[in-house]
Protein backbone atom coordinates (compact mmCIF):
# COMPACT_ATOMS: atom_id res chain seq x y z
CA UNK A 1 111.53 120.23 126.51
CA UNK A 2 110.64 123.08 124.20
CA UNK A 3 109.47 121.63 120.91
CA UNK A 4 108.53 123.02 117.53
CA UNK A 5 104.80 123.34 116.93
CA UNK A 6 103.77 120.77 114.33
CA UNK A 7 100.34 122.19 113.54
CA UNK A 8 99.69 125.36 111.61
CA UNK A 9 96.62 127.54 112.01
CA UNK A 10 94.35 126.32 109.20
CA UNK A 11 92.44 128.46 106.73
CA UNK A 12 88.69 127.94 106.29
CA UNK A 13 87.61 124.46 105.14
CA UNK A 14 86.31 125.96 101.90
CA UNK A 15 89.82 127.21 101.16
CA UNK A 16 91.28 123.75 101.73
CA UNK A 17 88.72 122.27 99.34
CA UNK A 18 89.50 124.89 96.71
CA UNK A 19 93.23 124.18 97.03
CA UNK A 20 92.68 120.44 96.53
CA UNK A 21 90.68 121.20 93.41
CA UNK A 22 93.44 123.44 92.08
CA UNK A 23 96.09 120.80 92.74
CA UNK A 24 94.28 118.22 90.61
CA UNK A 25 92.77 120.44 87.90
CA UNK A 26 95.54 122.83 86.92
CA UNK A 27 95.82 122.14 83.21
CA UNK A 28 99.57 121.63 83.15
CA UNK A 29 100.66 120.86 86.71
CA UNK A 30 97.71 119.03 88.27
CA UNK A 31 95.60 117.33 85.58
CA UNK A 32 96.72 113.69 85.64
CA UNK A 33 94.98 112.87 82.35
CA UNK A 34 97.01 115.56 80.65
CA UNK A 35 100.27 114.56 82.38
CA UNK A 36 99.84 110.88 81.50
CA UNK A 37 98.91 111.85 77.95
CA UNK A 38 102.14 113.79 77.54
CA UNK A 39 104.04 110.91 79.09
CA UNK A 40 102.54 108.57 76.48
CA UNK A 41 103.57 110.94 73.69
CA UNK A 42 107.14 110.95 75.04
CA UNK A 43 107.39 107.16 75.28
CA UNK A 44 105.81 106.55 71.87
CA UNK A 45 108.31 109.02 70.39
CA UNK A 46 111.17 107.13 72.04
CA UNK A 47 109.89 103.81 70.73
CA UNK A 48 109.69 105.25 67.21
CA UNK A 49 113.26 106.50 67.60
CA UNK A 50 114.32 102.99 68.60
CA UNK A 51 112.34 101.55 65.68
CA UNK A 52 115.04 101.88 63.06
CA UNK A 53 117.54 99.50 64.70
CA UNK A 54 114.83 97.55 66.59
CA UNK A 55 111.77 96.54 64.50
CA UNK A 56 110.10 95.20 67.65
CA UNK A 57 110.11 98.74 69.12
CA UNK A 58 108.63 100.14 65.89
CA UNK A 59 105.84 97.55 65.94
CA UNK A 60 105.00 98.33 69.58
CA UNK A 61 105.02 102.07 68.82
CA UNK A 62 102.51 101.59 66.00
CA UNK A 63 100.26 99.48 68.20
CA UNK A 64 100.33 102.10 70.93
CA UNK A 65 99.64 104.89 68.45
CA UNK A 66 96.40 103.13 67.53
CA UNK A 67 95.43 102.17 71.10
CA UNK A 68 92.91 104.11 73.21
CA UNK A 69 94.28 106.33 75.97
CA UNK A 70 93.40 103.91 78.77
CA UNK A 71 95.40 101.10 77.14
CA UNK A 72 98.35 103.40 76.53
CA UNK A 73 98.23 104.37 80.20
CA UNK A 74 98.19 100.74 81.32
CA UNK A 75 101.13 99.67 79.19
CA UNK A 76 103.26 102.78 79.51
CA UNK A 77 102.65 102.84 83.25
CA UNK A 78 104.51 99.52 83.47
CA UNK A 79 107.83 99.94 85.28
CA UNK A 80 109.59 97.14 83.39
CA UNK A 81 108.49 98.43 79.96
CA UNK A 82 109.55 101.97 80.82
CA UNK A 83 112.95 100.66 81.91
CA UNK A 84 113.30 98.66 78.68
CA UNK A 85 112.69 101.82 76.64
CA UNK A 86 115.05 103.96 78.71
CA UNK A 87 117.80 101.34 78.86
CA UNK A 88 117.64 100.66 75.11
CA UNK A 89 117.85 104.40 74.42
CA UNK A 90 120.93 104.70 76.62
CA UNK A 91 122.64 101.77 74.95
CA UNK A 92 121.85 102.64 71.33
CA UNK A 93 122.05 106.43 71.38
CA UNK A 94 124.59 107.12 74.13
CA UNK A 95 126.67 103.96 73.86
CA UNK A 96 126.31 103.22 77.58
CA UNK A 97 126.50 99.70 78.96
CA UNK A 98 123.48 100.37 81.13
CA UNK A 99 120.59 98.43 82.62
CA UNK A 100 118.75 95.53 81.01
CA UNK A 101 120.65 93.87 78.13
CA UNK A 102 119.41 94.90 74.70
CA UNK A 103 118.07 91.42 73.77
CA UNK A 104 116.01 91.44 76.96
CA UNK A 105 114.61 94.88 76.08
CA UNK A 106 113.63 93.55 72.64
CA UNK A 107 111.88 90.58 74.24
CA UNK A 108 109.95 92.94 76.51
CA UNK A 109 108.84 95.02 73.51
CA UNK A 110 107.60 91.86 71.82
CA UNK A 111 105.75 90.70 74.92
CA UNK A 112 104.14 94.14 75.36
CA UNK A 113 102.87 94.06 71.79
CA UNK A 114 101.40 90.60 72.29
CA UNK A 115 99.83 91.71 75.57
CA UNK A 116 98.22 94.71 73.89
CA UNK A 117 96.93 92.76 70.87
CA UNK A 118 95.53 90.02 73.10
CA UNK A 119 93.43 92.53 75.03
CA UNK A 120 94.84 91.43 78.38
CA UNK A 121 94.05 93.84 81.21
CA UNK A 122 96.55 96.16 82.85
CA UNK A 123 100.23 96.19 82.04
CA UNK A 124 102.46 93.17 81.31
CA UNK A 125 104.12 93.27 84.76
CA UNK A 126 100.85 93.06 86.67
CA UNK A 127 99.02 90.79 84.19
CA UNK A 128 99.89 87.62 86.11
CA UNK A 129 99.03 88.97 89.55
CA UNK A 130 95.88 87.52 91.13
CA UNK A 131 92.75 89.58 91.56
CA UNK A 132 93.37 89.92 95.29
CA UNK A 133 96.55 91.87 94.48
CA UNK A 134 94.56 94.90 93.31
CA UNK A 135 94.94 97.82 95.68
CA UNK A 136 91.46 99.25 95.67
CA UNK A 137 88.65 97.59 97.63
CA UNK A 138 85.00 97.52 96.67
CA UNK A 139 82.62 100.25 97.89
CA UNK A 140 81.31 99.83 101.40
CA UNK A 141 77.81 98.75 100.27
CA UNK A 142 79.37 95.70 98.63
CA UNK A 143 81.08 94.72 101.88
CA UNK A 144 78.23 94.76 104.38
CA UNK A 145 78.17 90.99 104.63
CA UNK A 146 81.74 91.14 105.97
CA UNK A 147 81.20 93.67 108.74
CA UNK A 148 81.52 91.03 111.44
CA UNK A 149 84.94 89.95 110.26
CA UNK A 150 87.13 92.72 111.63
CA UNK A 151 90.50 91.38 112.58
CA UNK A 152 93.45 92.74 114.51
CA UNK A 153 93.38 96.51 115.21
CA UNK A 154 89.95 96.78 113.61
CA UNK A 155 91.27 95.81 110.18
CA UNK A 156 88.78 93.71 108.27
CA UNK A 157 90.62 90.77 106.72
CA UNK A 158 87.49 89.05 105.42
CA UNK A 159 86.60 91.56 102.71
CA UNK A 160 90.05 92.90 102.01
CA UNK A 161 90.28 91.12 98.65
CA UNK A 162 87.02 92.45 97.16
CA UNK A 163 87.56 95.08 94.52
CA UNK A 164 86.13 98.14 92.84
CA UNK A 165 86.66 98.38 89.10
CA UNK A 166 85.48 101.93 88.51
CA UNK A 167 88.16 103.94 90.30
CA UNK A 168 90.75 105.93 88.32
CA UNK A 169 93.65 103.96 89.79
CA UNK A 170 92.16 100.50 89.47
CA UNK A 171 95.34 99.50 87.62
CA UNK A 172 97.39 99.79 90.84
CA UNK A 173 98.52 96.42 92.19
CA UNK A 174 100.35 95.14 95.26
CA UNK A 175 103.51 93.16 94.50
CA UNK A 176 103.39 89.41 95.11
CA UNK A 177 106.45 87.29 94.46
CA UNK A 178 104.73 84.24 93.04
CA UNK A 179 104.66 85.64 89.50
CA UNK A 180 108.39 86.31 89.51
CA UNK A 181 109.17 83.76 86.76
CA UNK A 182 107.47 85.78 84.01
CA UNK A 183 109.67 87.84 81.63
CA UNK A 184 108.35 91.12 82.99
CA UNK A 185 108.74 90.09 86.63
CA UNK A 186 112.27 88.86 85.89
CA UNK A 187 113.14 92.23 84.33
CA UNK A 188 111.55 94.12 87.21
CA UNK A 189 113.55 92.15 89.78
CA UNK A 190 116.73 92.82 87.80
CA UNK A 191 115.96 96.55 87.88
CA UNK A 192 115.33 96.29 91.62
CA UNK A 193 118.63 94.52 92.14
CA UNK A 194 120.49 97.23 90.22
CA UNK A 195 118.82 100.10 92.08
CA UNK A 196 118.25 98.72 95.57
CA UNK A 197 120.04 95.38 95.89
CA UNK A 198 117.56 94.17 98.50
CA UNK A 199 114.50 91.90 98.47
CA UNK A 200 110.79 92.68 98.39
CA UNK A 201 108.15 91.03 100.56
CA UNK A 202 104.94 89.26 99.57
CA UNK A 203 102.23 90.73 101.81
CA UNK A 204 100.05 88.63 104.07
CA UNK A 205 96.25 89.01 103.90
CA UNK A 206 96.48 91.18 107.01
CA UNK A 207 99.09 93.43 105.40
CA UNK A 208 96.91 93.83 102.33
CA UNK A 209 94.09 94.88 104.62
CA UNK A 210 96.36 97.40 106.34
CA UNK A 211 97.31 98.91 102.98
CA UNK A 212 93.66 99.32 102.07
CA UNK A 213 92.81 100.83 105.42
CA UNK A 214 95.48 103.49 104.88
CA UNK A 215 94.10 104.07 101.39
CA UNK A 216 90.57 104.53 102.76
CA UNK A 217 91.83 107.15 105.19
CA UNK A 218 93.69 108.98 102.43
CA UNK A 219 90.56 108.91 100.25
CA UNK A 220 88.55 110.32 103.15
CA UNK A 221 90.94 113.21 103.66
CA UNK A 222 91.73 114.12 100.04
CA UNK A 223 89.62 112.04 97.66
CA UNK A 224 90.47 113.93 94.47
CA UNK A 225 94.19 114.30 95.17
CA UNK A 226 94.46 110.63 96.20
CA UNK A 227 92.88 109.56 92.91
CA UNK A 228 95.11 111.88 90.90
CA UNK A 229 98.40 110.90 92.55
CA UNK A 230 97.75 107.16 92.69
CA UNK A 231 96.77 107.07 89.03
CA UNK A 232 100.52 107.45 88.39
CA UNK A 233 101.36 104.29 90.39
CA UNK A 234 100.97 100.83 88.90
CA UNK A 235 102.75 98.82 91.59
CA UNK A 236 103.09 99.11 95.36
CA UNK A 237 105.59 96.80 97.04
CA UNK A 238 106.46 96.15 100.67
CA UNK A 239 110.04 95.72 101.76
CA UNK A 240 111.54 94.06 104.85
CA UNK A 241 114.12 95.66 107.10
CA UNK A 242 117.04 94.09 105.27
CA UNK A 243 120.08 95.28 103.35
CA UNK A 244 119.77 98.69 101.72
CA UNK A 245 116.17 98.98 102.95
CA UNK A 246 117.41 99.50 106.51
CA UNK A 247 116.63 102.99 107.72
CA UNK A 248 114.08 103.65 104.95
CA UNK A 249 110.42 104.37 105.64
CA UNK A 250 109.37 104.47 101.99
CA UNK A 251 111.05 104.96 98.66
CA UNK A 252 110.67 105.63 94.95
CA UNK A 253 113.07 106.57 92.18
CA UNK A 254 112.95 108.26 88.81
CA UNK A 255 114.81 105.23 87.43
CA UNK A 256 112.11 102.83 88.72
CA UNK A 257 109.21 104.91 87.47
CA UNK A 258 105.66 103.68 88.19
CA UNK A 259 106.41 101.73 91.40
CA UNK A 260 106.56 102.76 95.06
CA UNK A 261 107.95 100.92 98.06
CA UNK A 262 106.82 100.91 101.69
CA UNK A 263 108.42 99.60 104.87
CA UNK A 264 106.61 96.41 105.86
CA UNK A 265 106.98 97.15 109.57
CA UNK A 266 105.46 100.65 109.46
CA UNK A 267 102.19 100.20 107.59
CA UNK A 268 100.22 99.38 110.73
CA UNK A 269 99.42 103.02 111.48
CA UNK A 270 96.87 104.36 108.98
CA UNK A 271 97.90 108.03 109.40
CA UNK A 272 101.51 107.17 108.65
CA UNK A 273 100.45 105.05 105.71
CA UNK A 274 98.11 107.69 104.25
CA UNK A 275 100.94 110.23 104.26
CA UNK A 276 103.54 107.91 102.76
CA UNK A 277 101.19 106.57 100.10
CA UNK A 278 100.51 110.13 98.99
CA UNK A 279 104.17 111.12 99.37
CA UNK A 280 105.50 108.42 97.06
CA UNK A 281 102.59 108.68 94.61
CA UNK A 282 103.26 112.41 94.26
CA UNK A 283 106.86 111.62 93.37
CA UNK A 284 105.56 109.39 90.58
CA UNK A 285 103.24 112.12 89.35
CA UNK A 286 106.16 114.56 89.16
CA UNK A 287 108.37 111.97 87.45
CA UNK A 288 105.66 111.48 84.82
CA UNK A 289 105.48 115.25 84.37
CA UNK A 290 109.25 115.43 83.97
CA UNK A 291 109.19 112.93 81.09
CA UNK A 292 107.01 115.25 79.04
CA UNK A 293 108.08 118.74 80.14
CA UNK A 294 111.11 120.97 80.68
CA UNK A 295 111.17 120.55 84.46
CA UNK A 296 114.97 120.79 84.69
CA UNK A 297 117.79 122.27 82.65
CA UNK A 298 119.49 119.63 80.46
CA UNK A 299 122.77 119.85 82.40
CA UNK A 300 121.35 120.20 85.95
CA UNK A 301 123.15 117.04 87.14
CA UNK A 302 126.68 118.24 86.28
CA UNK A 303 129.28 117.97 89.03
CA UNK A 304 129.30 121.72 89.74
CA UNK A 305 125.51 122.04 89.64
CA UNK A 306 123.90 124.01 92.47
CA UNK A 307 123.16 122.10 95.69
CA UNK A 308 120.83 122.94 98.59
CA UNK A 309 121.31 121.88 102.22
CA UNK A 310 118.23 120.14 103.64
CA UNK A 311 118.64 121.63 107.10
CA UNK A 312 116.28 119.17 108.81
CA UNK A 313 118.35 116.14 107.80
CA UNK A 314 121.35 114.84 109.68
CA UNK A 315 124.65 115.73 107.97
CA UNK A 316 126.98 112.93 106.96
CA UNK A 317 130.44 112.57 105.47
CA UNK A 318 129.01 111.75 102.02
CA UNK A 319 127.05 115.01 101.85
CA UNK A 320 123.68 113.31 101.41
CA UNK A 321 121.99 116.27 103.08
CA UNK A 322 122.97 118.40 100.08
CA UNK A 323 120.44 117.98 97.28
CA UNK A 324 120.62 118.68 93.57
CA UNK A 325 117.87 120.57 91.75
CA UNK A 326 115.82 117.48 90.98
CA UNK A 327 115.74 116.31 94.58
CA UNK A 328 114.98 119.81 95.83
CA UNK A 329 112.11 120.12 93.40
CA UNK A 330 110.75 116.66 94.19
CA UNK A 331 110.73 117.41 97.92
CA UNK A 332 109.22 120.87 97.38
CA UNK A 333 106.44 119.37 95.27
CA UNK A 334 105.69 116.71 97.90
CA UNK A 335 105.76 119.01 100.95
CA UNK A 336 103.46 121.56 99.29
CA UNK A 337 100.88 118.77 98.88
CA UNK A 338 101.55 117.16 102.28
CA UNK A 339 100.83 120.51 103.91
CA UNK A 340 97.27 120.24 102.61
CA UNK A 341 96.99 116.60 103.69
CA UNK A 342 98.15 117.39 107.22
CA UNK A 343 95.83 120.39 107.52
CA UNK A 344 92.88 118.20 106.57
CA UNK A 345 94.01 115.38 108.87
CA UNK A 346 94.40 117.71 111.83
CA UNK A 347 91.01 119.28 111.14
CA UNK A 348 89.23 115.92 110.94
CA UNK A 349 91.22 113.98 113.55
CA UNK A 350 88.53 114.05 116.25
CA UNK A 351 85.87 112.70 113.88
CA UNK A 352 88.13 110.00 112.44
CA UNK A 353 89.88 108.90 115.66
CA UNK A 354 87.23 106.29 116.60
CA UNK A 355 88.07 104.40 113.40
CA UNK A 356 91.74 105.24 112.82
CA UNK A 357 93.07 106.32 116.22
CA UNK A 358 94.83 109.60 116.99
CA UNK A 359 97.53 111.03 114.76
CA UNK A 360 100.18 111.26 117.47
CA UNK A 361 103.63 111.52 115.90
CA UNK A 362 102.64 109.53 112.82
CA UNK A 363 102.43 112.46 110.37
CA UNK A 364 104.81 115.26 109.49
CA UNK A 365 102.47 117.96 110.76
CA UNK A 366 101.14 120.86 108.73
CA UNK A 367 103.53 123.47 110.16
CA UNK A 368 106.58 121.35 109.42
CA UNK A 369 105.38 120.53 105.90
CA UNK A 370 104.67 124.20 105.14
CA UNK A 371 108.01 125.31 106.56
CA UNK A 372 109.99 122.78 104.54
CA UNK A 373 108.06 123.54 101.36
CA UNK A 374 108.58 127.27 101.87
CA UNK A 375 112.33 126.89 102.41
CA UNK A 376 112.74 124.63 99.38
CA UNK A 377 110.65 126.97 97.23
CA UNK A 378 112.85 129.89 98.25
CA UNK A 379 115.95 127.86 97.40
CA UNK A 380 114.51 126.99 93.99
CA UNK A 381 113.87 130.68 93.33
CA UNK A 382 117.43 131.50 94.30
CA UNK A 383 120.17 128.87 94.50
CA UNK A 384 118.88 126.38 91.94
CA UNK A 385 116.95 128.70 89.60
CA UNK A 386 119.53 128.30 86.77
CA UNK A 387 119.07 124.50 86.99
CA UNK A 388 115.33 124.64 86.26
CA UNK A 389 113.64 124.45 82.89
CA UNK A 390 110.77 126.69 81.84
CA UNK A 391 108.11 124.31 83.18
CA UNK A 392 110.01 123.91 86.45
CA UNK A 393 110.16 127.66 86.97
CA UNK A 394 106.46 128.09 86.28
CA UNK A 395 105.51 125.22 88.59
CA UNK A 396 107.70 126.66 91.36
CA UNK A 397 105.85 129.97 91.25
CA UNK A 398 102.47 128.20 91.13
CA UNK A 399 103.18 125.98 94.15
CA UNK A 400 104.45 128.98 96.12
CA UNK A 401 101.11 130.65 95.36
CA UNK A 402 99.41 127.54 96.75
CA UNK A 403 101.49 127.81 99.92
CA UNK A 404 100.53 131.47 100.28
CA UNK A 405 96.88 130.38 100.23
CA UNK A 406 97.13 127.78 103.01
CA UNK A 407 99.84 129.36 105.18
CA UNK A 408 97.92 131.75 107.42
CA UNK A 409 100.99 132.68 109.50
CA UNK A 410 103.98 132.68 107.15
CA UNK A 411 107.47 132.96 108.56
CA UNK A 412 109.76 135.75 107.36
CA UNK A 413 111.43 135.10 104.03
CA UNK A 414 114.88 133.64 104.52
CA UNK A 415 114.24 132.28 108.04
CA UNK A 416 115.93 128.95 108.77
CA UNK A 417 116.37 128.78 112.55
CA UNK A 418 113.13 126.84 112.97
CA UNK A 419 114.34 124.16 110.53
CA UNK A 420 117.62 123.70 112.39
CA UNK A 421 115.90 123.49 115.76
CA UNK A 422 113.45 120.95 114.39
CA UNK A 423 116.41 118.63 113.71
CA UNK A 424 117.93 119.49 117.09
CA UNK A 425 114.72 118.65 118.96
CA UNK A 426 114.13 115.38 117.10
CA UNK A 427 117.67 114.27 117.79
CA UNK A 428 117.34 115.27 121.44
CA UNK A 429 114.55 112.74 121.76
CA UNK A 430 116.78 110.13 120.13
CA UNK A 431 119.52 110.93 122.64
CA UNK A 432 117.08 110.50 125.53
CA UNK A 433 116.04 107.11 124.18
CA UNK A 434 119.65 106.06 123.64
CA UNK A 435 120.75 106.98 127.18
CA UNK A 436 117.71 105.27 128.69
CA UNK A 437 118.79 101.98 127.13
CA UNK A 438 122.47 101.92 128.04
CA UNK A 439 125.00 103.60 130.33
CA UNK A 440 126.65 106.80 129.08
CA UNK A 441 130.31 106.90 128.01
CA UNK A 442 132.78 106.84 130.93
CA UNK A 443 134.75 109.83 129.66
CA UNK A 444 133.69 113.48 129.65
CA UNK A 445 132.23 113.38 126.10
CA UNK A 446 128.71 114.34 127.15
CA UNK A 447 129.87 117.15 129.43
CA UNK A 448 132.17 118.66 126.81
CA UNK A 449 129.46 118.55 124.17
CA UNK A 450 126.94 120.10 126.57
CA UNK A 451 129.32 122.96 127.33
CA UNK A 452 130.07 123.50 123.64
CA UNK A 453 126.38 123.75 122.70
CA UNK A 454 125.55 126.07 125.60
CA UNK A 455 128.45 128.34 124.63
CA UNK A 456 127.32 128.44 120.99
CA UNK A 457 123.77 129.30 122.02
CA UNK A 458 124.97 132.12 124.32
CA UNK A 459 127.17 133.54 121.55
CA UNK A 460 124.31 133.48 119.05
CA UNK A 461 121.98 135.18 121.52
CA UNK A 462 124.51 137.91 122.30
CA UNK A 463 124.77 138.73 118.60
CA UNK A 464 121.02 139.38 118.71
CA UNK A 465 121.16 141.34 121.99
CA UNK A 466 119.55 138.48 123.89
CA UNK A 467 120.59 136.44 126.90
CA UNK A 468 119.81 132.95 128.10
CA UNK A 469 116.32 133.35 129.61
CA UNK A 470 116.71 130.42 131.99
CA UNK A 471 119.56 129.38 134.30
CA UNK A 472 122.02 127.08 132.57
CA UNK A 473 122.55 123.74 134.27
CA UNK A 474 125.40 123.21 136.66
CA UNK A 475 126.71 120.31 134.68
CA UNK A 476 129.12 119.18 137.38
CA UNK A 477 126.21 118.53 139.71
CA UNK A 478 124.20 116.44 137.27
CA UNK A 479 124.30 112.73 136.67
CA UNK A 480 126.52 111.89 133.68
CA UNK A 481 123.52 110.78 131.60
CA UNK A 482 121.70 114.08 132.26
CA UNK A 483 124.36 116.61 131.33
CA UNK A 484 124.03 116.75 127.57
CA UNK A 485 120.23 116.21 127.43
CA UNK A 486 119.69 118.95 130.03
CA UNK A 487 121.92 121.35 128.13
CA UNK A 488 119.99 120.65 124.92
CA UNK A 489 116.73 121.43 126.71
CA UNK A 490 118.15 124.78 127.80
CA UNK A 491 119.32 125.55 124.26
CA UNK A 492 115.89 124.79 122.81
CA UNK A 493 114.15 126.85 125.50
CA UNK A 494 116.43 129.78 124.76
CA UNK A 495 116.44 129.67 120.96
CA UNK A 496 112.99 128.50 119.94
CA UNK A 497 111.18 131.77 120.84
CA UNK A 498 113.47 133.56 118.39
CA UNK A 499 111.87 131.70 115.47
CA UNK A 500 108.77 133.87 115.89
CA UNK A 501 110.52 137.26 115.93
CA UNK A 502 110.45 138.83 112.47
CA UNK A 503 112.61 141.80 113.46
CA UNK A 504 115.62 139.60 114.25
CA UNK A 505 116.29 138.89 110.57
CA UNK A 506 116.95 142.59 110.05
CA UNK A 507 119.67 142.77 112.70
CA UNK A 508 123.24 142.98 111.46
CA UNK A 509 124.26 140.10 113.72
CA UNK A 510 121.62 137.70 112.42
CA UNK A 511 123.69 136.05 109.63
CA UNK A 512 126.52 135.32 112.05
CA UNK A 513 124.12 134.07 114.72
CA UNK A 514 122.42 131.82 112.17
CA UNK A 515 125.79 130.45 111.06
CA UNK A 516 126.72 129.71 114.70
CA UNK A 517 123.49 127.80 115.29
CA UNK A 518 123.85 125.92 112.00
CA UNK A 519 127.37 124.81 112.90
CA UNK A 520 126.34 123.88 116.44
CA UNK A 521 123.35 121.77 115.33
CA UNK A 522 125.26 119.97 112.59
CA UNK A 523 128.30 119.26 114.76
CA UNK A 524 125.98 118.02 117.50
CA UNK A 525 124.36 115.69 114.98
CA UNK A 526 127.75 114.30 113.99
CA UNK A 527 128.61 113.70 117.66
CA UNK A 528 125.34 111.85 118.15
CA UNK A 529 126.08 109.69 115.12
CA UNK A 530 129.57 108.92 116.43
CA UNK A 531 128.05 107.98 119.78
CA UNK A 532 125.63 105.61 118.06
CA UNK A 533 122.56 107.48 119.28
CA UNK A 534 120.97 107.97 115.84
CA UNK A 535 120.52 104.28 115.12
């Protein structure tokens, strides 16, 4: 089956190194010390604002004002403390009945002040976690005595709980449930219940080792960017495939700032894990930036605010594939960085495969990441531009400049066919898997859908003065289970070459052809969902 190319042609290695440096050193948009410093200013200001009705908040604000930057980072990186500040602000200044009860917020402010005065390490939420719950392992020269202890899949379980204390994200911990009776853990679990309504998992020693193996790979590929992004994460938690976690690979939220969540069943592949660790950590970095800067317009979330269709996601009746400005920006920010990660991974795969295996389908791919970032950047410049603040507009232009540097073969501005066909191809593979596991429907559903998609493809091609380049299948002569999959293969074979033709966008029939393909792909996705083929 014709398939989108996942790998872009890379620029020189020196260019990739220079881009990584730019992404972590840009004074406003990349420098994590600066971003965390502005975050601390914002939270101290909020605590002072709460100080009039809540003396406990005023006391904590004064203590933080006098604390060194590293201690401010540790306390204000704490998810539960951040939530206490935000929830108290909502209740006292907006009158909302929202989040943690006010007395609980006050108790958390008191506990944070005591924690800071006592000189306890880290933040209050992670203070009771054991040493083995730290994310970062010790340098290799401290682990030589353990080299013979490699466990399953080459993961060394014997030295997985030895730590380095000199890394910039040494304050990052892995969630363990046995400290859940503390006030901060109780508040954190209440926040999790409100936002996810599903449990977390305490990792096994082997799972801790898997997390650290993925971290080592990420550090190998992008050492500076890994350190920068993960310095915005204080807690990493695994989740089981239960409740609202079903269907999620990883997750983070602006409302649960400072923590990221990973699917317990998927962390076994280090390439997958390296990408998702960076993905979610980058969200946290942007959330921290948003707290201290005008990323978005104040009213961006209004009901009639601009929305953007994420063309590579399956449509649903709730419109979840339409994103507001914040979600568009968050995805744009992540994909611009993931493009660099994937370029480095693809460049170094041969050298790293003996230790980590081949990439396979376990990463997004540099071409896909660039394409999605480019589309979202164009949408930010156009559709959602009024919803951005000054800082958001400047960061958009800067990240598009970054894309221009690493994208050696950019697609024409405004192109979207490749994004639609990416969804179509991925769902075609899901259909193949579905039909291999069970008999097809007894009615003519598959045949009718095959004919509809072939007709839409022919109509789109005619608008562009093209014809089907291969014979269409005689669907009546095919086995029932082959009719729709075979038609989809023909559609991909016919349409994918068009994604490389720049002149087509200038044709008068292109907008109508694009609309036909969009409708065909999205209706096909809905049919697959109705059939149960998308899981």
